[in-house]
Amino acid sequence: MEQENEKCNFLSRLSPELQEKIQALKANPPIPTWPDQKR
């Protein structure tokens, strides 16, 4: 619970635009990238 409150407090200090971007990334997290010769 304490960690969750810390997380909420941290997000609340960010700009609305950045908060929206973080929420979008949480909903659709990107797949990492790697070189063509690897998978």
Full PDB file with SEQRES, HELIX, SHEET, SSBOND, CRYST1, ORIGX, SCALE, CONECT and MASTER records, all heavy atoms in Angstrom:
SEQRES   1 A   39  MET GLU GLN GLU ASN GLU LYS CYS ASN PHE LEU SER ARG          
SEQRES   2 A   39  LEU SER PRO GLU LEU GLN GLU LYS ILE GLN ALA LEU LYS          
SEQRES   3 A   39  ALA ASN PRO PRO ILE PRO THR TRP PRO ASP GLN LYS ARG          
HELIX    1 AA1 GLU A    2  SER A   12  1                                  11    
HELIX    2 AA2 PRO A   16  ALA A   27  1                                  12    
CRYST1    1.000    1.000    1.000  90.00  90.00  90.00 P 1           1          
ORIGX1      1.000000  0.000000  0.000000        0.00000                         
ORIGX2      0.000000  1.000000  0.000000        0.00000                         
ORIGX3      0.000000  0.000000  1.000000        0.00000                         
SCALE1      1.000000  0.000000  0.000000        0.00000                         
SCALE2      0.000000  1.000000  0.000000        0.00000                         
SCALE3      0.000000  0.000000  1.000000        0.00000                         
ATOM      1  N   MET A   1       0.831  -1.205   0.000  1.00  0.00           N  
ATOM      2  CA  MET A   1       0.000   0.000   0.000  1.00  0.00           C  
ATOM      3  C   MET A   1       0.867   1.258   0.000  1.00  0.00           C  
ATOM      4  O   MET A   1       0.589   2.225  -0.689  1.00  0.00           O  
ATOM      5  CB  MET A   1      -0.932  -0.013   1.211  1.00  0.00           C  
ATOM      6  CG  MET A   1      -1.850   1.200   1.306  1.00  0.00           C  
ATOM      7  SD  MET A   1      -3.016   1.295  -0.082  1.00  0.00           S  
ATOM      8  CE  MET A   1      -4.132  -0.019   0.373  1.00  0.00           C  
ATOM      9  N   GLU A   2       1.939   1.230   0.832  1.00  0.00           N  
ATOM     10  CA  GLU A   2       2.838   2.384   0.907  1.00  0.00           C  
ATOM     11  C   GLU A   2       3.509   2.664  -0.430  1.00  0.00           C  
ATOM     12  O   GLU A   2       3.612   3.804  -0.861  1.00  0.00           O  
ATOM     13  CB  GLU A   2       3.900   2.134   1.982  1.00  0.00           C  
ATOM     14  CG  GLU A   2       4.776   3.353   2.257  1.00  0.00           C  
ATOM     15  CD  GLU A   2       5.759   3.083   3.377  1.00  0.00           C  
ATOM     16  OE1 GLU A   2       5.514   2.162   4.173  1.00  0.00           O  
ATOM     17  OE2 GLU A   2       6.767   3.805   3.444  1.00  0.00           O  
ATOM     18  N   GLN A   3       3.925   1.578  -1.121  1.00  0.00           N  
ATOM     19  CA  GLN A   3       4.551   1.746  -2.438  1.00  0.00           C  
ATOM     20  C   GLN A   3       3.554   2.307  -3.440  1.00  0.00           C  
ATOM     21  O   GLN A   3       3.900   3.144  -4.274  1.00  0.00           O  
ATOM     22  CB  GLN A   3       5.085   0.405  -2.928  1.00  0.00           C  
ATOM     23  CG  GLN A   3       6.306  -0.078  -2.165  1.00  0.00           C  
ATOM     24  CD  GLN A   3       6.775  -1.437  -2.654  1.00  0.00           C  
ATOM     25  OE1 GLN A   3       6.083  -2.103  -3.423  1.00  0.00           O  
ATOM     26  NE2 GLN A   3       7.940  -1.847  -2.191  1.00  0.00           N  
ATOM     27  N   GLU A   4       2.308   1.849  -3.365  1.00  0.00           N  
ATOM     28  CA  GLU A   4       1.277   2.344  -4.277  1.00  0.00           C  
ATOM     29  C   GLU A   4       1.014   3.825  -4.045  1.00  0.00           C  
ATOM     30  O   GLU A   4       0.830   4.596  -4.988  1.00  0.00           O  
ATOM     31  CB  GLU A   4      -0.016   1.524  -4.071  1.00  0.00           C  
ATOM     32  CG  GLU A   4      -1.074   1.764  -5.138  1.00  0.00           C  
ATOM     33  CD  GLU A   4      -0.618   1.325  -6.504  1.00  0.00           C  
ATOM     34  OE1 GLU A   4       0.127   0.337  -6.617  1.00  0.00           O  
ATOM     35  OE2 GLU A   4      -1.002   2.009  -7.475  1.00  0.00           O  
ATOM     36  N   ASN A   5       0.993   4.274  -2.758  1.00  0.00           N  
ATOM     37  CA  ASN A   5       0.800   5.695  -2.447  1.00  0.00           C  
ATOM     38  C   ASN A   5       1.952   6.538  -2.973  1.00  0.00           C  
ATOM     39  O   ASN A   5       1.752   7.637  -3.498  1.00  0.00           O  
ATOM     40  CB  ASN A   5       0.663   5.884  -0.929  1.00  0.00           C  
ATOM     41  CG  ASN A   5      -0.644   5.335  -0.392  1.00  0.00           C  
ATOM     42  OD1 ASN A   5      -1.624   5.234  -1.140  1.00  0.00           O  
ATOM     43  ND2 ASN A   5      -0.672   4.972   0.878  1.00  0.00           N  
ATOM     44  N   GLU A   6       3.187   6.003  -2.839  1.00  0.00           N  
ATOM     45  CA  GLU A   6       4.352   6.716  -3.376  1.00  0.00           C  
ATOM     46  C   GLU A   6       4.219   6.911  -4.872  1.00  0.00           C  
ATOM     47  O   GLU A   6       4.521   7.972  -5.410  1.00  0.00           O  
ATOM     48  CB  GLU A   6       5.629   5.908  -3.089  1.00  0.00           C  
ATOM     49  CG  GLU A   6       6.191   6.112  -1.698  1.00  0.00           C  
ATOM     50  CD  GLU A   6       7.500   5.352  -1.536  1.00  0.00           C  
ATOM     51  OE1 GLU A   6       8.331   5.411  -2.466  1.00  0.00           O  
ATOM     52  OE2 GLU A   6       7.665   4.701  -0.507  1.00  0.00           O  
ATOM     53  N   LYS A   7       3.766   5.847  -5.544  1.00  0.00           N  
ATOM     54  CA  LYS A   7       3.616   5.898  -6.991  1.00  0.00           C  
ATOM     55  C   LYS A   7       2.580   6.964  -7.376  1.00  0.00           C  
ATOM     56  O   LYS A   7       2.796   7.766  -8.288  1.00  0.00           O  
ATOM     57  CB  LYS A   7       3.170   4.524  -7.504  1.00  0.00           C  
ATOM     58  CG  LYS A   7       3.332   4.342  -8.999  1.00  0.00           C  
ATOM     59  CD  LYS A   7       2.769   3.007  -9.466  1.00  0.00           C  
ATOM     60  CE  LYS A   7       3.423   1.830  -8.794  1.00  0.00           C  
ATOM     61  NZ  LYS A   7       2.923   0.539  -9.328  1.00  0.00           N  
ATOM     62  N   CYS A   8       1.437   7.005  -6.685  1.00  0.00           N  
ATOM     63  CA  CYS A   8       0.375   7.980  -6.975  1.00  0.00           C  
ATOM     64  C   CYS A   8       0.845   9.402  -6.707  1.00  0.00           C  
ATOM     65  O   CYS A   8       0.560  10.320  -7.486  1.00  0.00           O  
ATOM     66  CB  CYS A   8      -0.871   7.653  -6.154  1.00  0.00           C  
ATOM     67  SG  CYS A   8      -1.678   6.114  -6.631  1.00  0.00           S  
ATOM     68  N   ASN A   9       1.570   9.588  -5.589  1.00  0.00           N  
ATOM     69  CA  ASN A   9       2.082  10.925  -5.263  1.00  0.00           C  
ATOM     70  C   ASN A   9       3.064  11.418  -6.316  1.00  0.00           C  
ATOM     71  O   ASN A   9       3.068  12.586  -6.698  1.00  0.00           O  
ATOM     72  CB  ASN A   9       2.762  10.910  -3.884  1.00  0.00           C  
ATOM     73  CG  ASN A   9       1.762  10.724  -2.767  1.00  0.00           C  
ATOM     74  OD1 ASN A   9       0.579  11.047  -2.916  1.00  0.00           O  
ATOM     75  ND2 ASN A   9       2.214  10.189  -1.631  1.00  0.00           N  
ATOM     76  N   PHE A  10       3.910  10.509  -6.790  1.00  0.00           N  
ATOM     77  CA  PHE A  10       4.882  10.877  -7.817  1.00  0.00           C  
ATOM     78  C   PHE A  10       4.170  11.300  -9.106  1.00  0.00           C  
ATOM     79  O   PHE A  10       4.484  12.337  -9.704  1.00  0.00           O  
ATOM     80  CB  PHE A  10       5.811   9.689  -8.086  1.00  0.00           C  
ATOM     81  CG  PHE A  10       6.681   9.872  -9.293  1.00  0.00           C  
ATOM     82  CD1 PHE A  10       7.782  10.730  -9.258  1.00  0.00           C  
ATOM     83  CD2 PHE A  10       6.400   9.191 -10.481  1.00  0.00           C  
ATOM     84  CE1 PHE A  10       8.589  10.897 -10.373  1.00  0.00           C  
ATOM     85  CE2 PHE A  10       7.203   9.359 -11.590  1.00  0.00           C  
ATOM     86  CZ  PHE A  10       8.303  10.212 -11.540  1.00  0.00           C  
ATOM     87  N   LEU A  11       3.159  10.526  -9.523  1.00  0.00           N  
ATOM     88  CA  LEU A  11       2.442  10.839 -10.759  1.00  0.00           C  
ATOM     89  C   LEU A  11       1.684  12.158 -10.654  1.00  0.00           C  
ATOM     90  O   LEU A  11       1.604  12.919 -11.621  1.00  0.00           O  
ATOM     91  CB  LEU A  11       1.464   9.701 -11.107  1.00  0.00           C  
ATOM     92  CG  LEU A  11       2.105   8.387 -11.578  1.00  0.00           C  
ATOM     93  CD1 LEU A  11       1.046   7.305 -11.729  1.00  0.00           C  
ATOM     94  CD2 LEU A  11       2.834   8.587 -12.908  1.00  0.00           C  
ATOM     95  N   SER A  12       1.153  12.429  -9.473  1.00  0.00           N  
ATOM     96  CA  SER A  12       0.355  13.651  -9.304  1.00  0.00           C  
ATOM     97  C   SER A  12       1.194  14.916  -9.454  1.00  0.00           C  
ATOM     98  O   SER A  12       0.653  15.996  -9.716  1.00  0.00           O  
ATOM     99  CB  SER A  12      -0.351  13.640  -7.947  1.00  0.00           C  
ATOM    100  OG  SER A  12       0.599  13.701  -6.902  1.00  0.00           O  
ATOM    101  N   ARG A  13       2.507  14.803  -9.270  1.00  0.00           N  
ATOM    102  CA  ARG A  13       3.376  15.973  -9.396  1.00  0.00           C  
ATOM    103  C   ARG A  13       3.779  16.264 -10.847  1.00  0.00           C  
ATOM    104  O   ARG A  13       4.389  17.293 -11.129  1.00  0.00           O  
ATOM    105  CB  ARG A  13       4.637  15.772  -8.546  1.00  0.00           C  
ATOM    106  CG  ARG A  13       4.370  15.735  -7.042  1.00  0.00           C  
ATOM    107  CD  ARG A  13       5.655  15.917  -6.247  1.00  0.00           C  
ATOM    108  NE  ARG A  13       6.574  14.811  -6.423  1.00  0.00           N  
ATOM    109  CZ  ARG A  13       6.591  13.723  -5.641  1.00  0.00           C  
ATOM    110  NH1 ARG A  13       5.707  13.613  -4.648  1.00  0.00           N  
ATOM    111  NH2 ARG A  13       7.468  12.767  -5.837  1.00  0.00           N  
ATOM    112  N   LEU A  14       3.424  15.360 -11.758  1.00  0.00           N  
ATOM    113  CA  LEU A  14       3.778  15.555 -13.165  1.00  0.00           C  
ATOM    114  C   LEU A  14       2.720  16.381 -13.870  1.00  0.00           C  
ATOM    115  O   LEU A  14       1.588  16.531 -13.400  1.00  0.00           O  
ATOM    116  CB  LEU A  14       3.915  14.196 -13.854  1.00  0.00           C  
ATOM    117  CG  LEU A  14       4.955  13.240 -13.259  1.00  0.00           C  
ATOM    118  CD1 LEU A  14       4.902  11.904 -13.993  1.00  0.00           C  
ATOM    119  CD2 LEU A  14       6.357  13.831 -13.324  1.00  0.00           C  
ATOM    120  N   SER A  15       3.085  16.932 -15.031  1.00  0.00           N  
ATOM    121  CA  SER A  15       2.123  17.706 -15.821  1.00  0.00           C  
ATOM    122  C   SER A  15       1.033  16.783 -16.349  1.00  0.00           C  
ATOM    123  O   SER A  15       1.263  15.580 -16.533  1.00  0.00           O  
ATOM    124  CB  SER A  15       2.841  18.367 -17.001  1.00  0.00           C  
ATOM    125  OG  SER A  15       3.275  17.383 -17.922  1.00  0.00           O  
ATOM    126  N   PRO A  16      -0.177  17.326 -16.609  1.00  0.00           N  
ATOM    127  CA  PRO A  16      -1.273  16.499 -17.139  1.00  0.00           C  
ATOM    128  C   PRO A  16      -0.882  15.794 -18.436  1.00  0.00           C  
ATOM    129  O   PRO A  16      -1.277  14.645 -18.662  1.00  0.00           O  
ATOM    130  CB  PRO A  16      -2.400  17.505 -17.366  1.00  0.00           C  
ATOM    131  CG  PRO A  16      -2.101  18.622 -16.411  1.00  0.00           C  
ATOM    132  CD  PRO A  16      -0.616  18.707 -16.338  1.00  0.00           C  
ATOM    133  N   GLU A  17      -0.108  16.460 -19.282  1.00  0.00           N  
ATOM    134  CA  GLU A  17       0.301  15.868 -20.564  1.00  0.00           C  
ATOM    135  C   GLU A  17       1.181  14.644 -20.339  1.00  0.00           C  
ATOM    136  O   GLU A  17       1.021  13.612 -20.990  1.00  0.00           O  
ATOM    137  CB  GLU A  17       1.056  16.898 -21.423  1.00  0.00           C  
ATOM    138  CG  GLU A  17       0.220  18.059 -21.919  1.00  0.00           C  
ATOM    139  CD  GLU A  17       0.003  19.123 -20.847  1.00  0.00           C  
ATOM    140  OE1 GLU A  17       0.677  19.043 -19.779  1.00  0.00           O  
ATOM    141  OE2 GLU A  17      -0.833  20.010 -21.072  1.00  0.00           O  
ATOM    142  N   LEU A  18       2.143  14.772 -19.397  1.00  0.00           N  
ATOM    143  CA  LEU A  18       3.048  13.673 -19.121  1.00  0.00           C  
ATOM    144  C   LEU A  18       2.310  12.522 -18.432  1.00  0.00           C  
ATOM    145  O   LEU A  18       2.572  11.346 -18.700  1.00  0.00           O  
ATOM    146  CB  LEU A  18       4.206  14.150 -18.244  1.00  0.00           C  
ATOM    147  CG  LEU A  18       5.405  13.194 -18.084  1.00  0.00           C  
ATOM    148  CD1 LEU A  18       5.911  12.723 -19.436  1.00  0.00           C  
ATOM    149  CD2 LEU A  18       6.522  13.868 -17.306  1.00  0.00           C  
ATOM    150  N   GLN A  19       1.364  12.869 -17.544  1.00  0.00           N  
ATOM    151  CA  GLN A  19       0.555  11.834 -16.898  1.00  0.00           C  
ATOM    152  C   GLN A  19      -0.227  11.033 -17.940  1.00  0.00           C  
ATOM    153  O   GLN A  19      -0.321   9.811 -17.872  1.00  0.00           O  
ATOM    154  CB  GLN A  19      -0.416  12.466 -15.892  1.00  0.00           C  
ATOM    155  CG  GLN A  19       0.247  13.000 -14.630  1.00  0.00           C  
ATOM    156  CD  GLN A  19      -0.777  13.483 -13.622  1.00  0.00           C  
ATOM    157  OE1 GLN A  19      -1.778  12.821 -13.382  1.00  0.00           O  
ATOM    158  NE2 GLN A  19      -0.531  14.652 -13.030  1.00  0.00           N  
ATOM    159  N   GLU A  20      -0.764  11.752 -18.921  1.00  0.00           N  
ATOM    160  CA  GLU A  20      -1.544  11.096 -19.980  1.00  0.00           C  
ATOM    161  C   GLU A  20      -0.657  10.171 -20.813  1.00  0.00           C  
ATOM    162  O   GLU A  20      -1.050   9.060 -21.182  1.00  0.00           O  
ATOM    163  CB  GLU A  20      -2.172  12.164 -20.879  1.00  0.00           C  
ATOM    164  CG  GLU A  20      -3.121  11.596 -21.924  1.00  0.00           C  
ATOM    165  CD  GLU A  20      -3.782  12.694 -22.748  1.00  0.00           C  
ATOM    166  OE1 GLU A  20      -3.800  13.865 -22.297  1.00  0.00           O  
ATOM    167  OE2 GLU A  20      -4.277  12.369 -23.837  1.00  0.00           O  
ATOM    168  N   LYS A  21       0.575  10.635 -21.073  1.00  0.00           N  
ATOM    169  CA  LYS A  21       1.510   9.822 -21.854  1.00  0.00           C  
ATOM    170  C   LYS A  21       1.886   8.554 -21.102  1.00  0.00           C  
ATOM    171  O   LYS A  21       1.969   7.465 -21.680  1.00  0.00           O  
ATOM    172  CB  LYS A  21       2.767  10.641 -22.176  1.00  0.00           C  
ATOM    173  CG  LYS A  21       3.727   9.947 -23.124  1.00  0.00           C  
ATOM    174  CD  LYS A  21       4.870  10.868 -23.506  1.00  0.00           C  
ATOM    175  CE  LYS A  21       5.807  10.177 -24.500  1.00  0.00           C  
ATOM    176  NZ  LYS A  21       6.935  11.056 -24.901  1.00  0.00           N  
ATOM    177  N   ILE A  22       2.114   8.674 -19.786  1.00  0.00           N  
ATOM    178  CA  ILE A  22       2.472   7.512 -18.969  1.00  0.00           C  
ATOM    179  C   ILE A  22       1.327   6.506 -18.936  1.00  0.00           C  
ATOM    180  O   ILE A  22       1.534   5.298 -19.045  1.00  0.00           O  
ATOM    181  CB  ILE A  22       2.862   7.957 -17.547  1.00  0.00           C  
ATOM    182  CG1 ILE A  22       4.206   8.697 -17.570  1.00  0.00           C  
ATOM    183  CG2 ILE A  22       2.933   6.762 -16.592  1.00  0.00           C  
ATOM    184  CD1 ILE A  22       4.594   9.325 -16.250  1.00  0.00           C  
ATOM    185  N   GLN A  23       0.109   7.014 -18.789  1.00  0.00           N  
ATOM    186  CA  GLN A  23      -1.050   6.119 -18.772  1.00  0.00           C  
ATOM    187  C   GLN A  23      -1.217   5.403 -20.104  1.00  0.00           C  
ATOM    188  O   GLN A  23      -1.585   4.218 -20.150  1.00  0.00           O  
ATOM    189  CB  GLN A  23      -2.323   6.907 -18.435  1.00  0.00           C  
ATOM    190  CG  GLN A  23      -2.374   7.448 -17.019  1.00  0.00           C  
ATOM    191  CD  GLN A  23      -2.272   6.353 -15.965  1.00  0.00           C  
ATOM    192  OE1 GLN A  23      -2.762   5.240 -16.157  1.00  0.00           O  
ATOM    193  NE2 GLN A  23      -1.625   6.657 -14.839  1.00  0.00           N  
ATOM    194  N   ALA A  24      -0.936   6.107 -21.214  1.00  0.00           N  
ATOM    195  CA  ALA A  24      -1.029   5.497 -22.541  1.00  0.00           C  
ATOM    196  C   ALA A  24       0.010   4.389 -22.703  1.00  0.00           C  
ATOM    197  O   ALA A  24      -0.268   3.332 -23.279  1.00  0.00           O  
ATOM    198  CB  ALA A  24      -0.852   6.552 -23.627  1.00  0.00           C  
ATOM    199  N   LEU A  25       1.224   4.636 -22.183  1.00  0.00           N  
ATOM    200  CA  LEU A  25       2.271   3.630 -22.261  1.00  0.00           C  
ATOM    201  C   LEU A  25       1.942   2.415 -21.412  1.00  0.00           C  
ATOM    202  O   LEU A  25       2.265   1.275 -21.762  1.00  0.00           O  
ATOM    203  CB  LEU A  25       3.621   4.224 -21.826  1.00  0.00           C  
ATOM    204  CG  LEU A  25       4.298   5.158 -22.828  1.00  0.00           C  
ATOM    205  CD1 LEU A  25       5.507   5.828 -22.189  1.00  0.00           C  
ATOM    206  CD2 LEU A  25       4.719   4.405 -24.083  1.00  0.00           C  
ATOM    207  N   LYS A  26       1.283   2.642 -20.255  1.00  0.00           N  
ATOM    208  CA  LYS A  26       0.877   1.522 -19.412  1.00  0.00           C  
ATOM    209  C   LYS A  26      -0.177   0.675 -20.113  1.00  0.00           C  
ATOM    210  O   LYS A  26      -0.189  -0.540 -20.008  1.00  0.00           O  
ATOM    211  CB  LYS A  26       0.331   2.040 -18.076  1.00  0.00           C  
ATOM    212  CG  LYS A  26       1.412   2.534 -17.123  1.00  0.00           C  
ATOM    213  CD  LYS A  26       0.820   3.117 -15.860  1.00  0.00           C  
ATOM    214  CE  LYS A  26       0.128   2.068 -15.020  1.00  0.00           C  
ATOM    215  NZ  LYS A  26      -0.403   2.609 -13.757  1.00  0.00           N  
ATOM    216  N   ALA A  27      -1.089   1.343 -20.842  1.00  0.00           N  
ATOM    217  CA  ALA A  27      -2.148   0.625 -21.553  1.00  0.00           C  
ATOM    218  C   ALA A  27      -1.601  -0.110 -22.777  1.00  0.00           C  
ATOM    219  O   ALA A  27      -2.064  -1.197 -23.118  1.00  0.00           O  
ATOM    220  CB  ALA A  27      -3.245   1.601 -21.972  1.00  0.00           C  
ATOM    221  N   ASN A  28      -0.615   0.495 -23.466  1.00  0.00           N  
ATOM    222  CA  ASN A  28      -0.026  -0.098 -24.659  1.00  0.00           C  
ATOM    223  C   ASN A  28       1.498  -0.034 -24.567  1.00  0.00           C  
ATOM    224  O   ASN A  28       2.139   0.748 -25.273  1.00  0.00           O  
ATOM    225  CB  ASN A  28      -0.497   0.634 -25.924  1.00  0.00           C  
ATOM    226  CG  ASN A  28      -1.979   0.447 -26.161  1.00  0.00           C  
ATOM    227  OD1 ASN A  28      -2.435  -0.624 -26.506  1.00  0.00           O  
ATOM    228  ND2 ASN A  28      -2.738   1.527 -25.957  1.00  0.00           N  
ATOM    229  N   PRO A  29       2.106  -0.819 -23.697  1.00  0.00           N  
ATOM    230  CA  PRO A  29       3.560  -0.748 -23.538  1.00  0.00           C  
ATOM    231  C   PRO A  29       4.269  -1.186 -24.815  1.00  0.00           C  
ATOM    232  O   PRO A  29       3.831  -2.129 -25.482  1.00  0.00           O  
ATOM    233  CB  PRO A  29       3.837  -1.724 -22.390  1.00  0.00           C  
ATOM    234  CG  PRO A  29       2.674  -2.646 -22.385  1.00  0.00           C  
ATOM    235  CD  PRO A  29       1.501  -1.847 -22.847  1.00  0.00           C  
ATOM    236  N   PRO A  30       5.362  -0.517 -25.179  1.00  0.00           N  
ATOM    237  CA  PRO A  30       6.070  -0.877 -26.413  1.00  0.00           C  
ATOM    238  C   PRO A  30       6.887  -2.152 -26.237  1.00  0.00           C  
ATOM    239  O   PRO A  30       7.324  -2.487 -25.133  1.00  0.00           O  
ATOM    240  CB  PRO A  30       6.991   0.326 -26.640  1.00  0.00           C  
ATOM    241  CG  PRO A  30       7.239   0.877 -25.266  1.00  0.00           C  
ATOM    242  CD  PRO A  30       5.974   0.638 -24.493  1.00  0.00           C  
ATOM    243  N   ILE A  31       7.073  -2.875 -27.332  1.00  0.00           N  
ATOM    244  CA  ILE A  31       7.965  -4.035 -27.334  1.00  0.00           C  
ATOM    245  C   ILE A  31       9.389  -3.505 -27.447  1.00  0.00           C  
ATOM    246  O   ILE A  31       9.655  -2.584 -28.216  1.00  0.00           O  
ATOM    247  CB  ILE A  31       7.624  -4.957 -28.523  1.00  0.00           C  
ATOM    248  CG1 ILE A  31       6.235  -5.569 -28.328  1.00  0.00           C  
ATOM    249  CG2 ILE A  31       8.667  -6.060 -28.678  1.00  0.00           C  
ATOM    250  CD1 ILE A  31       5.734  -6.354 -29.513  1.00  0.00           C  
ATOM    251  N   PRO A  32      10.345  -4.056 -26.688  1.00  0.00           N  
ATOM    252  CA  PRO A  32      11.735  -3.604 -26.810  1.00  0.00           C  
ATOM    253  C   PRO A  32      12.256  -3.806 -28.230  1.00  0.00           C  
ATOM    254  O   PRO A  32      11.671  -4.541 -29.035  1.00  0.00           O  
ATOM    255  CB  PRO A  32      12.490  -4.492 -25.816  1.00  0.00           C  
ATOM    256  CG  PRO A  32      11.454  -5.046 -24.915  1.00  0.00           C  
ATOM    257  CD  PRO A  32      10.192  -5.132 -25.700  1.00  0.00           C  
ATOM    258  N   THR A  33      13.363  -3.178 -28.549  1.00  0.00           N  
ATOM    259  CA  THR A  33      13.983  -3.352 -29.861  1.00  0.00           C  
ATOM    260  C   THR A  33      15.324  -4.068 -29.699  1.00  0.00           C  
ATOM    261  O   THR A  33      15.909  -4.067 -28.616  1.00  0.00           O  
ATOM    262  CB  THR A  33      14.204  -2.000 -30.560  1.00  0.00           C  
ATOM    263  OG1 THR A  33      15.012  -1.163 -29.717  1.00  0.00           O  
ATOM    264  CG2 THR A  33      12.868  -1.301 -30.827  1.00  0.00           C  
ATOM    265  N   TRP A  34      15.795  -4.661 -30.774  1.00  0.00           N  
ATOM    266  CA  TRP A  34      17.054  -5.397 -30.777  1.00  0.00           C  
ATOM    267  C   TRP A  34      17.608  -5.388 -32.203  1.00  0.00           C  
ATOM    268  O   TRP A  34      16.888  -5.071 -33.158  1.00  0.00           O  
ATOM    269  CB  TRP A  34      16.830  -6.838 -30.293  1.00  0.00           C  
ATOM    270  CG  TRP A  34      15.636  -7.491 -30.905  1.00  0.00           C  
ATOM    271  CD1 TRP A  34      15.553  -8.064 -32.143  1.00  0.00           C  
ATOM    272  CD2 TRP A  34      14.312  -7.600 -30.328  1.00  0.00           C  
ATOM    273  NE1 TRP A  34      14.283  -8.533 -32.377  1.00  0.00           N  
ATOM    274  CE2 TRP A  34      13.510  -8.264 -31.284  1.00  0.00           C  
ATOM    275  CE3 TRP A  34      13.750  -7.224 -29.104  1.00  0.00           C  
ATOM    276  CZ2 TRP A  34      12.164  -8.552 -31.039  1.00  0.00           C  
ATOM    277  CZ3 TRP A  34      12.409  -7.504 -28.884  1.00  0.00           C  
ATOM    278  CH2 TRP A  34      11.631  -8.163 -29.834  1.00  0.00           C  
ATOM    279  N   PRO A  35      18.872  -5.756 -32.382  1.00  0.00           N  
ATOM    280  CA  PRO A  35      19.472  -5.756 -33.731  1.00  0.00           C  
ATOM    281  C   PRO A  35      18.797  -6.757 -34.662  1.00  0.00           C  
ATOM    282  O   PRO A  35      18.190  -7.739 -34.214  1.00  0.00           O  
ATOM    283  CB  PRO A  35      20.933  -6.157 -33.472  1.00  0.00           C  
ATOM    284  CG  PRO A  35      21.161  -5.883 -32.031  1.00  0.00           C  
ATOM    285  CD  PRO A  35      19.849  -6.080 -31.336  1.00  0.00           C  
ATOM    286  N   ASP A  36      18.925  -6.542 -35.963  1.00  0.00           N  
ATOM    287  CA  ASP A  36      18.289  -7.405 -36.958  1.00  0.00           C  
ATOM    288  C   ASP A  36      18.743  -8.856 -36.877  1.00  0.00           C  
ATOM    289  O   ASP A  36      17.977  -9.764 -37.200  1.00  0.00           O  
ATOM    290  CB  ASP A  36      18.555  -6.881 -38.377  1.00  0.00           C  
ATOM    291  CG  ASP A  36      17.577  -5.781 -38.765  1.00  0.00           C  
ATOM    292  OD1 ASP A  36      16.509  -5.686 -38.126  1.00  0.00           O  
ATOM    293  OD2 ASP A  36      17.880  -5.022 -39.696  1.00  0.00           O  
ATOM    294  N   GLN A  37      19.996  -9.069 -36.471  1.00  0.00           N  
ATOM    295  CA  GLN A  37      20.521 -10.440 -36.442  1.00  0.00           C  
ATOM    296  C   GLN A  37      20.098 -11.209 -35.196  1.00  0.00           C  
ATOM    297  O   GLN A  37      20.479 -12.363 -35.016  1.00  0.00           O  
ATOM    298  CB  GLN A  37      22.051 -10.439 -36.561  1.00  0.00           C  
ATOM    299  CG  GLN A  37      22.791  -9.853 -35.371  1.00  0.00           C  
ATOM    300  CD  GLN A  37      23.024  -8.350 -35.497  1.00  0.00           C  
ATOM    301  OE1 GLN A  37      22.289  -7.674 -36.214  1.00  0.00           O  
ATOM    302  NE2 GLN A  37      24.055  -7.844 -34.839  1.00  0.00           N  
ATOM    303  N   LYS A  38      19.297 -10.571 -34.330  1.00  0.00           N  
ATOM    304  CA  LYS A  38      18.832 -11.230 -33.107  1.00  0.00           C  
ATOM    305  C   LYS A  38      17.314 -11.228 -33.040  1.00  0.00           C  
ATOM    306  O   LYS A  38      16.641 -10.547 -33.810  1.00  0.00           O  
ATOM    307  CB  LYS A  38      19.427 -10.529 -31.882  1.00  0.00           C  
ATOM    308  CG  LYS A  38      20.956 -10.611 -31.828  1.00  0.00           C  
ATOM    309  CD  LYS A  38      21.504 -10.007 -30.548  1.00  0.00           C  
ATOM    310  CE  LYS A  38      23.027 -10.140 -30.505  1.00  0.00           C  
ATOM    311  NZ  LYS A  38      23.598  -9.589 -29.260  1.00  0.00           N  
ATOM    312  N   ARG A  39      16.789 -12.003 -32.086  1.00  0.00           N  
ATOM    313  CA  ARG A  39      15.350 -12.030 -31.839  1.00  0.00           C  
ATOM    314  C   ARG A  39      15.140 -11.958 -30.323  1.00  0.00           C  
ATOM    315  O   ARG A  39      15.711 -12.748 -29.570  1.00  0.00           O  
ATOM    316  CB  ARG A  39      14.705 -13.310 -32.380  1.00  0.00           C  
ATOM    317  CG  ARG A  39      14.779 -13.462 -33.895  1.00  0.00           C  
ATOM    318  CD  ARG A  39      13.957 -12.397 -34.612  1.00  0.00           C  
ATOM    319  NE  ARG A  39      13.971 -12.568 -36.056  1.00  0.00           N  
ATOM    320  CZ  ARG A  39      14.874 -12.020 -36.865  1.00  0.00           C  
ATOM    321  NH1 ARG A  39      15.856 -11.278 -36.361  1.00  0.00           N  
ATOM    322  NH2 ARG A  39      14.803 -12.199 -38.167  1.00  0.00           N  
TER     323      ARG A  39                                                      
MASTER        0    0    0    2    0    0    0    6  322    1    0    3          
END                                                                             
